[in-house]
């Protein structure tokens, strides 16, 4: 399998992919130092520069596209301007654009899988409507007419009450998400993040995300 990494940073996704036998073939990043790191660690991986300059129809097709889009406008530590109004978090839609372009160019074959990572503030940003927009944007790559169901409102508020983990099963596609904390994965700090997997060609998203087999951990305090 092959992987394309958007918002690549210092190559966490390519490293994880390589550890799983997946080939990282290209990445998008604009900061000079992280690019130097990944060029040293993955000399065969192509660097595509800004996500704004990438055409999904022209880059090499990959099985997996992953990305942790900017979180500044979703985080509860900020003003939560959201996906649509936030200047940086709005780049999420560049990720979905590239995915759509690649799938159109390959008749829906690539990519099959999407991995998205972000802060838990995505559940509450724009009263929960931003996370619904994320699910909707990914699902539309598998089914143009899909309408992602919304959860109930939280209490008497107008905020959608998203669960910290969930699965949506479509007709030949699936999406699953869960919230994990770094303190349970060998890192001595609390750092909660949403991880989302979309299987655009099958119903394996929940199996991929929830049914871990043989994953090593560091159980030291």
Protein backbone atom coordinates (compact mmCIF):
# COMPACT_ATOMS: atom_id res chain seq x y z
CA UNK A 1 0.00 0.00 0.00
CA UNK A 2 1.03 3.62 -0.56
CA UNK A 3 0.47 6.72 1.57
CA UNK A 4 0.22 10.45 0.89
CA UNK A 5 0.64 12.75 3.88
CA UNK A 6 -0.93 16.23 4.04
CA UNK A 7 0.01 18.76 6.75
CA UNK A 8 2.96 16.42 7.22
CA UNK A 9 4.96 18.19 9.92
CA UNK A 10 8.08 16.18 10.76
CA UNK A 11 6.82 12.96 9.21
CA UNK A 12 4.88 11.21 11.97
CA UNK A 13 2.48 9.66 9.48
CA UNK A 14 5.19 8.43 7.07
CA UNK A 15 7.06 6.91 10.05
CA UNK A 16 3.93 5.10 11.26
CA UNK A 17 3.21 3.94 7.73
CA UNK A 18 6.72 2.59 7.24
CA UNK A 19 6.48 0.69 10.54
CA UNK A 20 3.34 -0.99 9.16
CA UNK A 21 4.88 -1.89 5.80
CA UNK A 22 3.19 0.97 3.94
CA UNK A 23 5.24 3.08 1.51
CA UNK A 24 5.08 6.89 2.03
CA UNK A 25 5.38 8.30 -1.50
CA UNK A 26 4.62 12.02 -1.11
CA UNK A 27 4.01 14.67 1.51
CA UNK A 28 2.83 18.27 1.76
CA UNK A 29 4.55 20.64 4.20
CA UNK A 30 5.73 24.26 4.00
CA UNK A 31 7.96 24.67 7.07
CA UNK A 32 11.68 24.31 6.15
CA UNK A 33 12.95 22.45 9.22
CA UNK A 34 10.36 19.64 9.22
CA UNK A 35 11.00 19.16 5.50
CA UNK A 36 14.73 18.75 6.24
CA UNK A 37 13.86 16.08 8.81
CA UNK A 38 11.70 14.06 6.45
CA UNK A 39 14.15 14.43 3.56
CA UNK A 40 16.81 12.86 5.79
CA UNK A 41 14.54 10.09 7.09
CA UNK A 42 12.64 9.37 3.86
CA UNK A 43 14.91 10.34 0.96
CA UNK A 44 12.63 8.65 -1.58
CA UNK A 45 9.50 10.57 -0.54
CA UNK A 46 8.44 13.45 -2.80
CA UNK A 47 7.75 16.88 -1.30
CA UNK A 48 4.85 18.70 -2.93
CA UNK A 49 4.98 21.97 -1.00
CA UNK A 50 1.84 23.91 -0.12
CA UNK A 51 -1.44 22.05 -0.07
CA UNK A 52 -2.90 24.96 -2.04
CA UNK A 53 -0.74 24.03 -5.04
CA UNK A 54 -1.57 20.31 -5.14
CA UNK A 55 -3.95 18.80 -7.68
CA UNK A 56 -5.30 15.43 -6.61
CA UNK A 57 -5.78 14.55 -10.26
CA UNK A 58 -2.09 15.06 -11.07
CA UNK A 59 -0.15 13.60 -8.12
CA UNK A 60 0.61 9.89 -7.84
CA UNK A 61 -2.51 8.02 -6.65
CA UNK A 62 -2.20 6.47 -3.19
CA UNK A 63 -4.23 4.01 -1.13
CA UNK A 64 -4.25 6.21 1.97
CA UNK A 65 -4.38 9.98 2.39
CA UNK A 66 -3.85 11.23 5.91
CA UNK A 67 -3.66 14.64 7.49
CA UNK A 68 -3.98 16.53 10.73
CA UNK A 69 -5.46 19.77 9.41
CA UNK A 70 -4.74 22.98 11.40
CA UNK A 71 -6.52 22.95 14.75
CA UNK A 72 -6.17 26.59 15.82
CA UNK A 73 -9.74 27.56 14.89
CA UNK A 74 -11.25 24.42 16.45
CA UNK A 75 -9.40 24.29 19.77
CA UNK A 76 -11.20 25.37 22.94
CA UNK A 77 -7.99 27.29 23.75
CA UNK A 78 -8.80 29.65 20.87
CA UNK A 79 -11.85 31.56 19.66
CA UNK A 80 -13.26 28.54 17.81
CA UNK A 81 -13.99 30.43 14.61
CA UNK A 82 -14.49 27.02 13.03
CA UNK A 83 -13.83 25.34 9.72
CA UNK A 84 -15.63 27.85 7.54
CA UNK A 85 -14.59 31.17 9.12
CA UNK A 86 -11.24 30.16 10.58
CA UNK A 87 -8.32 31.26 8.44
CA UNK A 88 -6.15 28.20 9.21
CA UNK A 89 -8.62 25.41 9.97
CA UNK A 90 -10.38 26.23 6.70
CA UNK A 91 -7.49 24.37 5.02
CA UNK A 92 -9.34 21.17 5.92
CA UNK A 93 -11.38 21.69 2.76
CA UNK A 94 -8.18 21.67 0.69
CA UNK A 95 -7.64 18.13 1.98
CA UNK A 96 -11.11 17.05 0.92
CA UNK A 97 -10.65 18.78 -2.45
CA UNK A 98 -7.51 16.77 -3.17
CA UNK A 99 -9.23 13.53 -2.18
CA UNK A 100 -12.19 14.30 -4.43
CA UNK A 101 -9.93 15.18 -7.37
CA UNK A 102 -7.95 11.97 -7.02
CA UNK A 103 -11.04 9.80 -6.77
CA UNK A 104 -12.57 11.46 -9.82
CA UNK A 105 -9.35 10.94 -11.78
CA UNK A 106 -9.12 7.25 -10.80
CA UNK A 107 -12.83 6.39 -11.13
CA UNK A 108 -13.21 6.11 -7.36
CA UNK A 109 -10.33 3.68 -6.80
CA UNK A 110 -7.86 5.95 -4.94
CA UNK A 111 -7.64 6.75 -2.16
CA UNK A 112 -9.61 4.04 -0.44
CA UNK A 113 -8.71 5.11 3.09
CA UNK A 114 -8.59 8.49 4.82
CA UNK A 115 -7.06 9.23 8.20
CA UNK A 116 -7.78 12.55 9.90
CA UNK A 117 -6.47 13.79 13.25
CA UNK A 118 -7.50 16.84 15.27
CA UNK A 119 -8.30 18.25 18.68
CA UNK A 120 -11.45 17.34 20.68
CA UNK A 121 -12.57 20.94 20.24
CA UNK A 122 -13.81 19.83 16.82
CA UNK A 123 -16.76 18.22 18.61
CA UNK A 124 -17.95 21.56 20.03
CA UNK A 125 -16.75 24.05 17.42
CA UNK A 126 -19.65 25.87 15.74
CA UNK A 127 -22.00 24.09 18.16
CA UNK A 128 -20.86 20.72 16.87
CA UNK A 129 -21.67 21.50 13.26
CA UNK A 130 -18.00 21.50 12.27
CA UNK A 131 -17.56 17.82 13.12
CA UNK A 132 -20.70 17.07 11.17
CA UNK A 133 -19.15 18.93 8.23
CA UNK A 134 -16.03 16.76 8.53
CA UNK A 135 -18.05 13.54 8.45
CA UNK A 136 -20.18 14.82 5.59
CA UNK A 137 -17.17 15.89 3.51
CA UNK A 138 -15.47 12.51 3.80
CA UNK A 139 -18.66 10.51 3.24
CA UNK A 140 -19.50 12.41 0.05
CA UNK A 141 -16.38 10.94 -1.54
CA UNK A 142 -18.06 7.53 -1.37
CA UNK A 143 -21.69 8.57 -1.83
CA UNK A 144 -22.58 11.93 -3.41
CA UNK A 145 -26.15 11.80 -2.06
CA UNK A 146 -25.33 10.83 1.52
CA UNK A 147 -26.69 12.78 4.47
CA UNK A 148 -24.71 12.09 7.65
CA UNK A 149 -27.05 11.76 10.65
CA UNK A 150 -26.66 14.28 13.45
CA UNK A 151 -26.74 13.37 17.14
CA UNK A 152 -29.23 14.81 19.59
CA UNK A 153 -28.66 18.23 21.09
CA UNK A 154 -26.82 18.47 24.40
CA UNK A 155 -29.40 19.26 27.06
CA UNK A 156 -31.38 22.39 26.29
CA UNK A 157 -28.60 23.93 24.21
CA UNK A 158 -28.25 24.13 20.43
CA UNK A 159 -24.98 22.20 20.55
CA UNK A 160 -24.80 18.74 18.98
CA UNK A 161 -23.84 16.08 21.53
CA UNK A 162 -21.14 14.12 19.70
CA UNK A 163 -19.85 10.98 21.41
CA UNK A 164 -16.10 10.59 21.88
CA UNK A 165 -16.20 7.48 19.70
CA UNK A 166 -18.56 6.34 16.98
CA UNK A 167 -19.09 4.56 13.69
CA UNK A 168 -21.19 5.31 10.62
CA UNK A 169 -21.93 2.46 8.22
CA UNK A 170 -22.91 3.37 4.68
CA UNK A 171 -23.69 1.39 1.56
CA UNK A 172 -20.22 0.04 0.78
CA UNK A 173 -18.34 2.60 2.90
CA UNK A 174 -17.76 3.37 6.57
CA UNK A 175 -16.36 5.95 8.95
CA UNK A 176 -15.17 5.56 12.54
CA UNK A 177 -13.67 7.94 15.07
CA UNK A 178 -12.29 7.75 18.59
CA UNK A 179 -10.64 10.07 21.09
CA UNK A 180 -7.33 8.90 22.51
CA UNK A 181 -5.02 10.34 25.16
CA UNK A 182 -1.24 10.32 24.78
CA UNK A 183 -0.78 9.38 28.44
CA UNK A 184 -1.98 5.84 27.60
CA UNK A 185 0.42 5.47 24.66
CA UNK A 186 3.78 5.81 26.39
CA UNK A 187 3.97 9.62 26.61
CA UNK A 188 4.13 11.23 30.09
CA UNK A 189 1.52 13.92 29.38
CA UNK A 190 -2.17 14.33 28.74
CA UNK A 191 -2.85 15.14 25.10
CA UNK A 192 -6.28 14.16 23.80
CA UNK A 193 -6.85 13.88 20.07
CA UNK A 194 -9.56 12.68 17.71
CA UNK A 195 -8.54 10.03 15.19
CA UNK A 196 -10.90 9.35 12.31
CA UNK A 197 -10.67 6.60 9.70
CA UNK A 198 -12.83 6.52 6.57
CA UNK A 199 -13.01 3.41 4.39
CA UNK A 200 -14.42 4.68 1.12
CA UNK A 201 -14.55 1.23 -0.46
CA UNK A 202 -15.78 -1.03 2.31
CA UNK A 203 -17.01 -1.39 5.87
CA UNK A 204 -13.67 -1.82 7.65
CA UNK A 205 -13.28 1.58 9.34
CA UNK A 206 -14.40 0.32 12.75
CA UNK A 207 -12.24 -2.77 12.51
CA UNK A 208 -9.20 -0.69 11.60
CA UNK A 209 -9.68 1.85 14.37
CA UNK A 210 -11.01 -0.23 17.25
CA UNK A 211 -9.72 -3.78 16.84
CA UNK A 212 -5.98 -3.38 17.39
CA UNK A 213 -3.93 -6.55 17.11
CA UNK A 214 -0.38 -6.91 18.36
CA UNK A 215 0.28 -3.22 19.04
CA UNK A 216 3.23 -2.81 21.40
CA UNK A 217 3.00 -0.33 24.26
CA UNK A 218 5.27 1.16 26.88
CA UNK A 219 3.51 0.59 30.19
CA UNK A 220 6.08 2.43 32.32
CA UNK A 221 4.63 5.39 34.30
